Amino acid sequence: MKHMLVFGGARSGKSRFAERMVQERSAGGKQVVYIATACPSSDPEMQSRILHHQQQRPPHWTTVEQPLSLGSAIETYSRRDTIVIIDCLTVWLSNCLFSGKTDFPDVGTITPPPAFTQERQALLNALASAVGEVMLVSNEVGMGIVPMGAVSRWFVDEAGRLNQDVAAVCESVVWVAAGLPLYLKGQSC
């Protein structure tokens, strides 16, 4: 595995699968840098999710909280002796899309904030040139009904495009459902 995208639905087991893969790959002495994209929140449910993920990580992994500048974080931490795990791309996408703190219309065209285009391209560039292994976790949000509001459709569309672009750069792509992996690209490590 040089770069691997692990994606699936909510509570599909994708993070657990990715973390298990990283633990196996790091057993030979590689360091692990876990890049968490969730922003601390006053929302109790989100706080619970963040705490759950923190408790599942081995204590010797380095955790970096980076809600926006993933490209920069990959450039900083990707080394030959390091595995970078990013969890998760769709939370990061949400952070980017709504970074302008703009009210969006219920119908009509949505104009993304400038930071979105810049950060998205920086992520793809950094991933393409990363020297170390990178594991990315993402949600598949486009398999349900088409959302009613323009903002929700925009998010689903951008998440699908992001997953496609990241998958194109990764050597391995794994779909996880019910905790079970299905390799779509590349092979099991």
N, C-alpha and C. Protein backbone atom coordinates (compact mmCIF):
# COMPACT_ATOMS: atom_id res chain seq x y z
N MET A 1 0.86 -1.18 0.00
CA MET A 1 0.00 0.00 0.00
C MET A 1 0.89 1.23 0.00
N LYS A 2 0.78 2.03 -1.02
CA LYS A 2 1.39 3.35 -0.92
C LYS A 2 0.29 4.31 -0.47
N HIS A 3 -0.76 4.40 -1.24
CA HIS A 3 -1.92 5.20 -0.84
C HIS A 3 -3.16 4.33 -0.98
N MET A 4 -4.03 4.41 0.03
CA MET A 4 -5.25 3.62 0.00
C MET A 4 -6.43 4.49 0.42
N LEU A 5 -7.52 4.38 -0.34
CA LEU A 5 -8.78 5.02 0.01
C LEU A 5 -9.70 3.93 0.54
N VAL A 6 -10.23 4.15 1.75
CA VAL A 6 -11.20 3.24 2.36
C VAL A 6 -12.48 4.04 2.51
N PHE A 7 -13.55 3.57 1.87
CA PHE A 7 -14.79 4.32 1.98
C PHE A 7 -15.98 3.39 2.15
N GLY A 8 -17.06 3.96 2.65
CA GLY A 8 -18.27 3.21 2.89
C GLY A 8 -19.29 4.12 3.56
N GLY A 9 -20.39 3.55 3.96
CA GLY A 9 -21.45 4.32 4.59
C GLY A 9 -21.15 4.62 6.05
N ALA A 10 -22.04 5.37 6.69
CA ALA A 10 -21.91 5.67 8.11
C ALA A 10 -21.96 4.38 8.91
N ARG A 11 -21.04 4.26 9.88
CA ARG A 11 -20.97 3.10 10.76
C ARG A 11 -20.79 1.78 10.00
N SER A 12 -20.09 1.85 8.87
CA SER A 12 -19.85 0.65 8.07
C SER A 12 -18.64 -0.15 8.55
N GLY A 13 -17.82 0.45 9.42
CA GLY A 13 -16.60 -0.19 9.87
C GLY A 13 -15.37 0.28 9.11
N LYS A 14 -15.53 1.33 8.31
CA LYS A 14 -14.41 1.79 7.48
C LYS A 14 -13.24 2.32 8.30
N SER A 15 -13.51 3.09 9.36
CA SER A 15 -12.42 3.61 10.18
C SER A 15 -11.71 2.47 10.92
N ARG A 16 -12.47 1.56 11.45
CA ARG A 16 -11.88 0.41 12.16
C ARG A 16 -11.01 -0.40 11.21
N PHE A 17 -11.51 -0.64 9.99
CA PHE A 17 -10.74 -1.39 9.00
C PHE A 17 -9.44 -0.64 8.67
N ALA A 18 -9.54 0.67 8.40
CA ALA A 18 -8.36 1.46 8.06
C ALA A 18 -7.34 1.46 9.20
N GLU A 19 -7.81 1.62 10.42
CA GLU A 19 -6.90 1.63 11.56
C GLU A 19 -6.23 0.27 11.74
N ARG A 20 -6.96 -0.80 11.52
CA ARG A 20 -6.37 -2.14 11.61
C ARG A 20 -5.29 -2.33 10.53
N MET A 21 -5.58 -1.87 9.33
CA MET A 21 -4.59 -1.96 8.24
C MET A 21 -3.33 -1.17 8.60
N VAL A 22 -3.50 0.02 9.13
CA VAL A 22 -2.36 0.86 9.50
C VAL A 22 -1.57 0.20 10.63
N GLN A 23 -2.25 -0.38 11.61
CA GLN A 23 -1.54 -1.08 12.70
C GLN A 23 -0.69 -2.21 12.14
N GLU A 24 -1.24 -2.99 11.22
CA GLU A 24 -0.48 -4.09 10.61
C GLU A 24 0.72 -3.56 9.84
N ARG A 25 0.51 -2.48 9.07
CA ARG A 25 1.59 -1.93 8.25
C ARG A 25 2.68 -1.27 9.10
N SER A 26 2.31 -0.76 10.26
CA SER A 26 3.29 -0.05 11.09
C SER A 26 4.03 -0.99 12.05
N ALA A 27 3.66 -2.26 12.07
CA ALA A 27 4.30 -3.22 12.98
C ALA A 27 5.80 -3.33 12.73
N GLY A 28 6.25 -3.02 11.54
CA GLY A 28 7.67 -3.08 11.21
C GLY A 28 8.45 -1.86 11.65
N GLY A 29 7.85 -0.99 12.43
CA GLY A 29 8.57 0.16 12.96
C GLY A 29 8.19 1.51 12.37
N LYS A 30 7.25 1.52 11.43
CA LYS A 30 6.84 2.80 10.87
C LYS A 30 6.03 3.58 11.90
N GLN A 31 6.24 4.88 11.90
CA GLN A 31 5.46 5.76 12.77
C GLN A 31 4.12 6.03 12.11
N VAL A 32 3.13 6.37 12.92
CA VAL A 32 1.79 6.67 12.41
C VAL A 32 1.41 8.08 12.85
N VAL A 33 0.96 8.86 11.87
CA VAL A 33 0.40 10.18 12.13
C VAL A 33 -1.06 10.13 11.72
N TYR A 34 -1.93 10.36 12.68
CA TYR A 34 -3.37 10.32 12.47
C TYR A 34 -3.85 11.76 12.32
N ILE A 35 -4.35 12.11 11.14
CA ILE A 35 -4.86 13.46 10.91
C ILE A 35 -6.37 13.42 11.05
N ALA A 36 -6.85 14.06 12.10
CA ALA A 36 -8.28 14.12 12.40
C ALA A 36 -8.84 15.41 11.81
N THR A 37 -9.93 15.29 11.06
CA THR A 37 -10.49 16.47 10.38
C THR A 37 -11.67 17.09 11.11
N ALA A 38 -12.22 16.39 12.09
CA ALA A 38 -13.39 16.93 12.80
C ALA A 38 -12.99 18.09 13.68
N CYS A 39 -13.81 19.12 13.66
CA CYS A 39 -13.60 20.27 14.53
C CYS A 39 -14.28 20.01 15.87
N PRO A 40 -13.60 20.36 16.96
CA PRO A 40 -14.29 20.26 18.25
C PRO A 40 -15.59 21.08 18.16
N SER A 41 -16.61 20.57 18.78
CA SER A 41 -17.93 21.15 18.60
C SER A 41 -18.67 21.22 19.92
N SER A 42 -19.68 22.08 19.96
CA SER A 42 -20.55 22.12 21.13
C SER A 42 -21.67 21.08 21.00
N ASP A 43 -21.72 20.39 19.87
CA ASP A 43 -22.72 19.36 19.61
C ASP A 43 -22.34 18.09 20.38
N PRO A 44 -23.15 17.67 21.35
CA PRO A 44 -22.80 16.48 22.16
C PRO A 44 -22.63 15.21 21.33
N GLU A 45 -23.42 15.05 20.29
CA GLU A 45 -23.31 13.85 19.45
C GLU A 45 -21.97 13.82 18.73
N MET A 46 -21.53 14.97 18.21
CA MET A 46 -20.23 15.03 17.53
C MET A 46 -19.10 14.84 18.54
N GLN A 47 -19.24 15.39 19.72
CA GLN A 47 -18.23 15.18 20.77
C GLN A 47 -18.11 13.70 21.09
N SER A 48 -19.22 13.00 21.14
CA SER A 48 -19.22 11.57 21.41
C SER A 48 -18.50 10.80 20.29
N ARG A 49 -18.75 11.18 19.05
CA ARG A 49 -18.07 10.53 17.91
C ARG A 49 -16.56 10.74 17.98
N ILE A 50 -16.16 11.97 18.27
CA ILE A 50 -14.73 12.30 18.35
C ILE A 50 -14.08 11.48 19.46
N LEU A 51 -14.72 11.43 20.63
CA LEU A 51 -14.19 10.68 21.76
C LEU A 51 -14.07 9.19 21.42
N HIS A 52 -15.07 8.65 20.75
CA HIS A 52 -15.04 7.24 20.34
C HIS A 52 -13.82 6.96 19.46
N HIS A 53 -13.58 7.81 18.48
CA HIS A 53 -12.43 7.63 17.59
C HIS A 53 -11.12 7.78 18.36
N GLN A 54 -11.04 8.74 19.28
CA GLN A 54 -9.82 8.93 20.06
C GLN A 54 -9.51 7.69 20.90
N GLN A 55 -10.52 7.10 21.48
CA GLN A 55 -10.33 5.93 22.34
C GLN A 55 -9.92 4.69 21.57
N GLN A 56 -10.24 4.62 20.29
CA GLN A 56 -9.88 3.45 19.48
C GLN A 56 -8.45 3.50 18.97
N ARG A 57 -7.85 4.70 18.96
CA ARG A 57 -6.49 4.83 18.43
C ARG A 57 -5.45 4.38 19.46
N PRO A 58 -4.40 3.71 18.99
CA PRO A 58 -3.29 3.36 19.89
C PRO A 58 -2.65 4.65 20.44
N PRO A 59 -2.24 4.64 21.69
CA PRO A 59 -1.71 5.86 22.31
C PRO A 59 -0.38 6.33 21.72
N HIS A 60 0.37 5.44 21.06
CA HIS A 60 1.66 5.84 20.50
C HIS A 60 1.53 6.52 19.13
N TRP A 61 0.33 6.57 18.56
CA TRP A 61 0.14 7.30 17.31
C TRP A 61 0.12 8.79 17.61
N THR A 62 0.70 9.56 16.71
CA THR A 62 0.66 11.02 16.82
C THR A 62 -0.64 11.50 16.19
N THR A 63 -1.40 12.30 16.92
CA THR A 63 -2.65 12.84 16.39
C THR A 63 -2.46 14.31 16.06
N VAL A 64 -2.88 14.68 14.85
CA VAL A 64 -2.85 16.06 14.39
C VAL A 64 -4.27 16.44 14.02
N GLU A 65 -4.77 17.50 14.61
CA GLU A 65 -6.10 17.99 14.25
C GLU A 65 -5.94 19.02 13.15
N GLN A 66 -6.51 18.70 11.97
CA GLN A 66 -6.38 19.59 10.83
C GLN A 66 -7.69 19.61 10.06
N PRO A 67 -8.55 20.59 10.35
CA PRO A 67 -9.86 20.62 9.71
C PRO A 67 -9.87 21.15 8.28
N LEU A 68 -8.82 21.85 7.83
CA LEU A 68 -8.85 22.45 6.49
C LEU A 68 -7.63 22.14 5.62
N SER A 69 -6.44 22.31 6.12
CA SER A 69 -5.23 22.26 5.28
C SER A 69 -4.64 20.86 5.18
N LEU A 70 -5.39 19.94 4.57
CA LEU A 70 -4.91 18.56 4.45
C LEU A 70 -3.68 18.44 3.56
N GLY A 71 -3.66 19.19 2.48
CA GLY A 71 -2.49 19.14 1.59
C GLY A 71 -1.22 19.51 2.34
N SER A 72 -1.30 20.57 3.08
CA SER A 72 -0.15 21.02 3.88
C SER A 72 0.23 19.98 4.93
N ALA A 73 -0.76 19.36 5.56
CA ALA A 73 -0.48 18.34 6.57
C ALA A 73 0.20 17.12 5.95
N ILE A 74 -0.25 16.70 4.78
CA ILE A 74 0.39 15.57 4.09
C ILE A 74 1.83 15.92 3.77
N GLU A 75 2.06 17.12 3.25
CA GLU A 75 3.44 17.55 2.94
C GLU A 75 4.32 17.56 4.19
N THR A 76 3.76 17.97 5.31
CA THR A 76 4.52 18.05 6.55
C THR A 76 4.86 16.68 7.12
N TYR A 77 3.91 15.76 7.11
CA TYR A 77 4.08 14.50 7.84
C TYR A 77 4.41 13.28 6.99
N SER A 78 4.26 13.36 5.66
CA SER A 78 4.52 12.19 4.83
C SER A 78 6.03 12.01 4.66
N ARG A 79 6.51 10.90 5.24
CA ARG A 79 7.92 10.52 5.11
C ARG A 79 7.97 9.02 4.84
N ARG A 80 9.09 8.55 4.37
CA ARG A 80 9.21 7.13 4.02
C ARG A 80 8.96 6.21 5.22
N ASP A 81 9.28 6.68 6.42
CA ASP A 81 9.13 5.84 7.61
C ASP A 81 7.82 6.10 8.37
N THR A 82 6.87 6.75 7.69
CA THR A 82 5.63 7.16 8.35
C THR A 82 4.42 6.77 7.51
N ILE A 83 3.37 6.37 8.22
CA ILE A 83 2.07 6.17 7.58
C ILE A 83 1.15 7.28 8.09
N VAL A 84 0.57 8.01 7.17
CA VAL A 84 -0.39 9.06 7.51
C VAL A 84 -1.79 8.49 7.29
N ILE A 85 -2.64 8.60 8.30
CA ILE A 85 -4.03 8.20 8.16
C ILE A 85 -4.90 9.44 8.33
N ILE A 86 -5.80 9.65 7.39
CA ILE A 86 -6.69 10.82 7.40
C ILE A 86 -8.12 10.32 7.59
N ASP A 87 -8.76 10.80 8.64
CA ASP A 87 -10.14 10.40 8.92
C ASP A 87 -10.92 11.65 9.33
N CYS A 88 -11.81 12.14 8.53
CA CYS A 88 -12.25 11.58 7.27
C CYS A 88 -12.40 12.68 6.23
N LEU A 89 -12.37 12.27 4.98
CA LEU A 89 -12.43 13.23 3.87
C LEU A 89 -13.77 13.96 3.78
N THR A 90 -14.87 13.31 4.09
CA THR A 90 -16.16 13.99 3.95
C THR A 90 -16.37 15.02 5.06
N VAL A 91 -15.83 14.77 6.25
CA VAL A 91 -15.87 15.82 7.28
C VAL A 91 -15.01 17.00 6.82
N TRP A 92 -13.82 16.70 6.28
CA TRP A 92 -12.96 17.76 5.76
C TRP A 92 -13.67 18.53 4.64
N LEU A 93 -14.33 17.81 3.75
CA LEU A 93 -15.06 18.45 2.66
C LEU A 93 -16.11 19.41 3.21
N SER A 94 -16.85 18.98 4.19
CA SER A 94 -17.85 19.84 4.82
C SER A 94 -17.19 21.09 5.42
N ASN A 95 -16.06 20.89 6.10
CA ASN A 95 -15.33 22.04 6.66
C ASN A 95 -14.96 23.04 5.55
N CYS A 96 -14.48 22.52 4.42
CA CYS A 96 -14.08 23.39 3.31
C CYS A 96 -15.27 24.09 2.67
N LEU A 97 -16.32 23.33 2.38
CA LEU A 97 -17.47 23.89 1.68
C LEU A 97 -18.15 24.98 2.49
N PHE A 98 -18.13 24.84 3.80
CA PHE A 98 -18.83 25.79 4.65
C PHE A 98 -17.89 26.73 5.39
N SER A 99 -16.64 26.80 4.94
CA SER A 99 -15.64 27.64 5.59
C SER A 99 -15.92 29.13 5.41
N GLY A 100 -16.68 29.50 4.39
CA GLY A 100 -16.99 30.91 4.16
C GLY A 100 -18.09 31.44 5.04
N LYS A 101 -18.72 30.56 5.82
CA LYS A 101 -19.81 30.94 6.73
C LYS A 101 -20.88 31.75 6.01
N THR A 102 -21.21 31.27 4.81
CA THR A 102 -22.20 31.92 3.96
C THR A 102 -23.54 31.21 4.08
N ASP A 103 -24.61 31.97 4.00
CA ASP A 103 -25.93 31.36 3.91
C ASP A 103 -26.16 30.98 2.45
N PHE A 104 -26.55 29.73 2.22
CA PHE A 104 -26.75 29.25 0.87
C PHE A 104 -28.24 29.16 0.57
N PRO A 105 -28.61 29.34 -0.71
CA PRO A 105 -30.03 29.27 -1.07
C PRO A 105 -30.54 27.83 -1.04
N ASP A 106 -31.85 27.68 -0.84
CA ASP A 106 -32.47 26.35 -0.88
C ASP A 106 -32.56 25.81 -2.30
N VAL A 107 -32.62 26.71 -3.27
CA VAL A 107 -32.66 26.33 -4.68
C VAL A 107 -31.66 27.20 -5.43
N GLY A 108 -31.22 26.70 -6.58
CA GLY A 108 -30.31 27.49 -7.41
C GLY A 108 -28.88 27.02 -7.31
N THR A 109 -28.02 27.80 -7.91
CA THR A 109 -26.60 27.48 -8.00
C THR A 109 -25.88 27.86 -6.71
N ILE A 110 -25.00 26.99 -6.30
CA ILE A 110 -24.18 27.23 -5.11
C ILE A 110 -22.77 27.61 -5.59
N THR A 111 -22.25 28.68 -5.06
CA THR A 111 -20.89 29.10 -5.37
C THR A 111 -19.99 28.73 -4.20
N PRO A 112 -19.02 27.84 -4.44
CA PRO A 112 -18.15 27.43 -3.33
C PRO A 112 -17.24 28.56 -2.88
N PRO A 113 -16.83 28.55 -1.61
CA PRO A 113 -15.87 29.56 -1.14
C PRO A 113 -14.51 29.32 -1.79
N PRO A 114 -13.72 30.37 -1.95
CA PRO A 114 -12.41 30.22 -2.59
C PRO A 114 -11.52 29.18 -1.92
N ALA A 115 -11.61 29.05 -0.62
CA ALA A 115 -10.77 28.08 0.10
C ALA A 115 -11.03 26.66 -0.37
N PHE A 116 -12.26 26.36 -0.78
CA PHE A 116 -12.59 25.00 -1.19
C PHE A 116 -11.74 24.57 -2.38
N THR A 117 -11.73 25.35 -3.45
CA THR A 117 -10.99 24.99 -4.66
C THR A 117 -9.49 24.89 -4.37
N GLN A 118 -8.97 25.83 -3.61
CA GLN A 118 -7.53 25.84 -3.30
C GLN A 118 -7.15 24.63 -2.45
N GLU A 119 -7.91 24.37 -1.38
CA GLU A 119 -7.57 23.27 -0.48
C GLU A 119 -7.76 21.91 -1.15
N ARG A 120 -8.77 21.79 -1.98
CA ARG A 120 -9.02 20.53 -2.70
C ARG A 120 -7.84 20.21 -3.62
N GLN A 121 -7.40 21.21 -4.38
CA GLN A 121 -6.27 21.00 -5.28
C GLN A 121 -4.98 20.73 -4.51
N ALA A 122 -4.80 21.43 -3.40
CA ALA A 122 -3.60 21.19 -2.57
C ALA A 122 -3.59 19.76 -2.03
N LEU A 123 -4.76 19.25 -1.65
CA LEU A 123 -4.85 17.87 -1.18
C LEU A 123 -4.45 16.90 -2.28
N LEU A 124 -5.01 17.06 -3.46
CA LEU A 124 -4.71 16.14 -4.56
C LEU A 124 -3.24 16.23 -4.97
N ASN A 125 -2.68 17.43 -4.99
CA ASN A 125 -1.26 17.59 -5.33
C ASN A 125 -0.37 16.92 -4.29
N ALA A 126 -0.67 17.15 -3.02
CA ALA A 126 0.16 16.57 -1.95
C ALA A 126 0.06 15.05 -1.96
N LEU A 127 -1.12 14.54 -2.19
CA LEU A 127 -1.30 13.09 -2.24
C LEU A 127 -0.50 12.48 -3.39
N ALA A 128 -0.52 13.13 -4.54
CA ALA A 128 0.21 12.62 -5.71
C ALA A 128 1.72 12.62 -5.49
N SER A 129 2.22 13.52 -4.65
CA SER A 129 3.68 13.61 -4.46
C SER A 129 4.14 13.10 -3.11
N ALA A 130 3.25 12.58 -2.28
CA ALA A 130 3.63 12.10 -0.95
C ALA A 130 4.60 10.94 -1.04
N VAL A 131 5.66 10.98 -0.25
CA VAL A 131 6.67 9.93 -0.30
C VAL A 131 6.34 8.76 0.62
N GLY A 132 5.57 9.00 1.65
CA GLY A 132 5.18 7.94 2.58
C GLY A 132 3.82 7.37 2.22
N GLU A 133 3.39 6.39 3.01
CA GLU A 133 2.09 5.79 2.80
C GLU A 133 1.00 6.70 3.37
N VAL A 134 -0.13 6.77 2.66
CA VAL A 134 -1.26 7.58 3.11
C VAL A 134 -2.52 6.74 3.02
N MET A 135 -3.25 6.67 4.12
CA MET A 135 -4.53 5.97 4.21
C MET A 135 -5.59 7.03 4.39
N LEU A 136 -6.58 7.06 3.49
CA LEU A 136 -7.65 8.05 3.56
C LEU A 136 -8.98 7.35 3.80
N VAL A 137 -9.77 7.88 4.71
CA VAL A 137 -11.09 7.33 5.03
C VAL A 137 -12.12 8.34 4.56
N SER A 138 -13.17 7.84 3.90
CA SER A 138 -14.20 8.73 3.37
C SER A 138 -15.56 8.05 3.44
N ASN A 139 -16.60 8.85 3.40
CA ASN A 139 -17.96 8.33 3.38
C ASN A 139 -18.47 8.28 1.94
N GLU A 140 -19.30 7.30 1.68
CA GLU A 140 -20.06 7.27 0.43
C GLU A 140 -21.44 7.80 0.79
N VAL A 141 -21.78 8.97 0.27
CA VAL A 141 -23.05 9.60 0.62
C VAL A 141 -24.01 9.66 -0.56
N GLY A 142 -23.62 9.17 -1.71
CA GLY A 142 -24.44 9.31 -2.91
C GLY A 142 -25.26 8.10 -3.29
N MET A 143 -25.44 7.16 -2.39
CA MET A 143 -26.17 5.94 -2.75
C MET A 143 -27.64 5.97 -2.31
N GLY A 144 -28.04 7.02 -1.66
CA GLY A 144 -29.42 7.12 -1.20
C GLY A 144 -30.25 7.95 -2.17
N ILE A 145 -31.32 8.49 -1.66
CA ILE A 145 -32.17 9.33 -2.49
C ILE A 145 -31.49 10.65 -2.77
N VAL A 146 -31.88 11.32 -3.84
CA VAL A 146 -31.32 12.63 -4.17
C VAL A 146 -31.91 13.63 -3.18
N PRO A 147 -31.05 14.36 -2.44
CA PRO A 147 -31.57 15.30 -1.45
C PRO A 147 -32.39 16.41 -2.09
N MET A 148 -33.30 16.98 -1.30
CA MET A 148 -34.19 18.03 -1.80
C MET A 148 -33.50 19.38 -1.96
N GLY A 149 -32.69 19.79 -1.01
CA GLY A 149 -32.12 21.13 -1.04
C GLY A 149 -30.87 21.23 -1.89
N ALA A 150 -30.64 22.42 -2.42
CA ALA A 150 -29.47 22.66 -3.28
C ALA A 150 -28.16 22.42 -2.54
N VAL A 151 -28.07 22.83 -1.29
CA VAL A 151 -26.83 22.66 -0.53
C VAL A 151 -26.55 21.17 -0.30
N SER A 152 -27.57 20.41 0.03
CA SER A 152 -27.38 18.97 0.24
C SER A 152 -26.97 18.27 -1.04
N ARG A 153 -27.59 18.64 -2.16
CA ARG A 153 -27.19 18.04 -3.46
C ARG A 153 -25.76 18.42 -3.80
N TRP A 154 -25.40 19.65 -3.53
CA TRP A 154 -24.04 20.14 -3.79
C TRP A 154 -23.02 19.32 -2.99
N PHE A 155 -23.31 19.09 -1.71
CA PHE A 155 -22.41 18.31 -0.88
C PHE A 155 -22.26 16.89 -1.41
N VAL A 156 -23.37 16.24 -1.73
CA VAL A 156 -23.33 14.87 -2.25
C VAL A 156 -22.52 14.83 -3.55
N ASP A 157 -22.75 15.79 -4.44
CA ASP A 157 -22.01 15.83 -5.70
C ASP A 157 -20.51 16.02 -5.47
N GLU A 158 -20.16 16.96 -4.60
CA GLU A 158 -18.73 17.22 -4.34
C GLU A 158 -18.06 16.05 -3.65
N ALA A 159 -18.78 15.37 -2.75
CA ALA A 159 -18.22 14.18 -2.09
C ALA A 159 -17.94 13.09 -3.12
N GLY A 160 -18.86 12.89 -4.04
CA GLY A 160 -18.66 11.89 -5.09
C GLY A 160 -17.47 12.24 -5.98
N ARG A 161 -17.38 13.50 -6.36
CA ARG A 161 -16.24 13.94 -7.19
C ARG A 161 -14.91 13.77 -6.45
N LEU A 162 -14.89 14.15 -5.16
CA LEU A 162 -13.68 14.02 -4.37
C LEU A 162 -13.26 12.56 -4.25
N ASN A 163 -14.20 11.68 -3.95
CA ASN A 163 -13.87 10.25 -3.85
C ASN A 163 -13.31 9.72 -5.17
N GLN A 164 -13.87 10.14 -6.28
CA GLN A 164 -13.37 9.70 -7.59
C GLN A 164 -11.94 10.19 -7.82
N ASP A 165 -11.68 11.46 -7.52
CA ASP A 165 -10.35 12.02 -7.76
C ASP A 165 -9.29 11.41 -6.83
N VAL A 166 -9.66 11.18 -5.58
CA VAL A 166 -8.72 10.54 -4.65
C VAL A 166 -8.48 9.09 -5.07
N ALA A 167 -9.53 8.39 -5.45
CA ALA A 167 -9.38 7.00 -5.89
C ALA A 167 -8.45 6.89 -7.10
N ALA A 168 -8.49 7.88 -7.98
CA ALA A 168 -7.63 7.86 -9.16
C ALA A 168 -6.15 7.94 -8.78
N VAL A 169 -5.82 8.59 -7.68
CA VAL A 169 -4.44 8.76 -7.24
C VAL A 169 -3.97 7.57 -6.39
N CYS A 170 -4.89 6.90 -5.74
CA CYS A 170 -4.54 5.80 -4.82
C CYS A 170 -4.28 4.50 -5.57
N GLU A 171 -3.35 3.72 -5.04
CA GLU A 171 -3.06 2.41 -5.61
C GLU A 171 -4.11 1.38 -5.21
N SER A 172 -4.72 1.58 -4.03
CA SER A 172 -5.74 0.66 -3.54
C SER A 172 -6.98 1.44 -3.13
N VAL A 173 -8.14 0.87 -3.44
CA VAL A 173 -9.42 1.45 -3.04
C VAL A 173 -10.27 0.32 -2.49
N VAL A 174 -10.78 0.52 -1.27
CA VAL A 174 -11.53 -0.52 -0.57
C VAL A 174 -12.89 0.03 -0.16
N TRP A 175 -13.93 -0.69 -0.52
CA TRP A 175 -15.29 -0.38 -0.08
C TRP A 175 -15.54 -1.25 1.15
N VAL A 176 -16.04 -0.65 2.23
CA VAL A 176 -16.34 -1.41 3.45
C VAL A 176 -17.83 -1.32 3.73
N ALA A 177 -18.46 -2.47 3.92
CA ALA A 177 -19.86 -2.56 4.31
C ALA A 177 -19.97 -3.64 5.37
N ALA A 178 -20.68 -3.35 6.44
CA ALA A 178 -20.86 -4.29 7.55
C ALA A 178 -19.51 -4.79 8.08
N GLY A 179 -18.50 -3.93 8.02
CA GLY A 179 -17.18 -4.29 8.51
C GLY A 179 -16.37 -5.16 7.58
N LEU A 180 -16.92 -5.47 6.41
CA LEU A 180 -16.25 -6.37 5.46
C LEU A 180 -15.69 -5.58 4.29
N PRO A 181 -14.42 -5.81 3.93
CA PRO A 181 -13.80 -5.08 2.84
C PRO A 181 -14.04 -5.72 1.47
N LEU A 182 -14.24 -4.89 0.49
CA LEU A 182 -14.31 -5.32 -0.90
C LEU A 182 -13.29 -4.47 -1.65
N TYR A 183 -12.25 -5.10 -2.18
CA TYR A 183 -11.20 -4.37 -2.89
C TYR A 183 -11.68 -4.04 -4.29
N LEU A 184 -11.77 -2.75 -4.57
CA LEU A 184 -12.20 -2.28 -5.88
C LEU A 184 -11.01 -2.00 -6.80
N LYS A 185 -9.88 -1.69 -6.20
CA LYS A 185 -8.67 -1.36 -6.95
C LYS A 185 -7.49 -1.82 -6.11
N GLY A 186 -6.51 -2.46 -6.71
CA GLY A 186 -5.39 -2.98 -5.97
C GLY A 186 -5.76 -4.26 -5.25
N GLN A 187 -4.86 -4.70 -4.41
CA GLN A 187 -5.09 -5.96 -3.71
C GLN A 187 -4.88 -5.79 -2.23
N SER A 188 -5.31 -6.79 -1.50
CA SER A 188 -5.10 -6.82 -0.06
C SER A 188 -3.61 -6.78 0.23
N CYS A 189 -3.24 -6.14 1.32
CA CYS A 189 -1.83 -6.05 1.70
C CYS A 189 -1.38 -7.31 2.39
